[in-house]
Amino acid sequence: MDSCDTRTRAYKNGKTFDQCKQIAEVITGQLSKKIELDGKVSWKEILETVDHDELVYKLTLKFLRRDGYNIGDWKTPEVKKSVTV
């Protein structure tokens, strides 16, 4: 039985998963700077920044959460600095 090799599967615009991860890391760095300056960034703005690429969008949110940001929820669709108590 053949199975898909996830390392070579093409996503939007023919990118591999690893390429999508690299793009998301770069965008996460850019958005981190913007969040530090403005205090928040909306999900819509993130989606526009990643050019409506769903995989890169989800990875970007994942990496922002990993870096300690509050990525919000459906009631508050924005990423903010986490409040430390």
Protein backbone atom coordinates (compact mmCIF):
# COMPACT_ATOMS: atom_id res chain seq x y z
CA MET A 1 0.00 0.00 0.00
CA ASP A 2 1.39 3.39 -0.99
CA SER A 3 1.16 6.29 1.40
CA CYS A 4 1.68 10.00 0.96
CA ASP A 5 5.06 11.38 1.89
CA THR A 6 4.14 14.45 3.95
CA ARG A 7 7.57 15.96 3.46
CA THR A 8 7.06 16.41 -0.28
CA ARG A 9 3.34 17.13 -0.52
CA ALA A 10 2.65 20.37 -2.35
CA TYR A 11 0.46 22.93 -0.62
CA LYS A 12 -0.72 26.27 -1.99
CA ASN A 13 1.48 27.49 -4.85
CA GLY A 14 3.43 24.20 -4.81
CA LYS A 15 5.20 24.82 -1.48
CA THR A 16 6.20 21.95 0.79
CA PHE A 17 5.25 21.83 4.48
CA ASP A 18 8.79 22.81 5.49
CA GLN A 19 8.70 25.84 3.20
CA CYS A 20 5.35 26.86 4.71
CA LYS A 21 6.88 26.56 8.21
CA GLN A 22 9.81 28.78 7.20
CA ILE A 23 7.46 31.40 5.74
CA ALA A 24 5.33 31.30 8.91
CA GLU A 25 8.44 31.80 11.10
CA VAL A 26 9.41 34.91 9.11
CA ILE A 27 5.88 36.32 9.28
CA THR A 28 5.71 35.56 13.01
CA GLY A 29 8.84 37.68 13.55
CA GLN A 30 7.30 40.56 11.62
CA LEU A 31 3.99 40.32 13.47
CA SER A 32 5.74 40.11 16.85
CA LYS A 33 7.31 43.50 16.21
CA LYS A 34 3.94 44.95 15.17
CA ILE A 35 2.23 43.53 18.28
CA GLU A 36 4.92 45.02 20.51
CA LEU A 37 4.36 48.45 18.91
CA ASP A 38 0.57 48.47 18.50
CA GLY A 39 -0.44 46.09 21.30
CA LYS A 40 -2.49 43.80 19.05
CA VAL A 41 -3.06 42.54 15.52
CA SER A 42 -6.34 41.16 14.14
CA TRP A 43 -6.79 37.72 12.65
CA LYS A 44 -7.97 39.38 9.44
CA GLU A 45 -4.71 41.30 9.19
CA ILE A 46 -2.74 38.08 9.71
CA LEU A 47 -4.78 36.36 6.99
CA GLU A 48 -4.05 39.22 4.59
CA THR A 49 -0.35 39.16 5.52
CA VAL A 50 -0.07 35.44 4.67
CA ASP A 51 -1.90 36.04 1.36
CA HIS A 52 -4.87 33.86 2.42
CA ASP A 53 -2.70 30.72 2.66
CA GLU A 54 -4.54 28.62 5.25
CA LEU A 55 -1.58 26.46 6.27
CA VAL A 56 0.77 29.42 6.76
CA TYR A 57 -2.01 31.23 8.66
CA LYS A 58 -2.50 28.34 11.09
CA LEU A 59 1.25 27.87 11.55
CA THR A 60 1.67 31.60 12.19
CA LEU A 61 -0.98 31.50 14.94
CA LYS A 62 0.67 28.39 16.39
CA PHE A 63 4.09 30.08 16.46
CA LEU A 64 2.65 33.26 18.01
CA ARG A 65 1.09 31.14 20.78
CA ARG A 66 4.43 29.34 21.21
CA ASP A 67 6.13 32.71 21.61
CA GLY A 68 3.79 33.64 24.47
CA TYR A 69 1.13 35.73 22.76
CA ASN A 70 -2.59 35.43 23.48
CA ILE A 71 -4.05 34.44 20.09
CA GLY A 72 -7.64 35.06 21.17
CA ASP A 73 -10.74 33.11 20.18
CA TRP A 74 -13.88 33.52 18.07
CA LYS A 75 -15.17 36.23 20.43
CA THR A 76 -11.93 38.24 20.33
CA PRO A 77 -10.28 37.50 16.98
CA GLU A 78 -7.00 39.27 17.68
CA VAL A 79 -3.51 38.49 18.91
CA LYS A 80 -2.27 40.45 21.92
CA LYS A 81 0.59 40.41 24.37
CA SER A 82 -0.06 37.94 27.15
CA VAL A 83 -0.78 39.42 30.52
CA THR A 84 1.72 38.16 33.09
CA VAL A 85 0.68 38.26 36.71
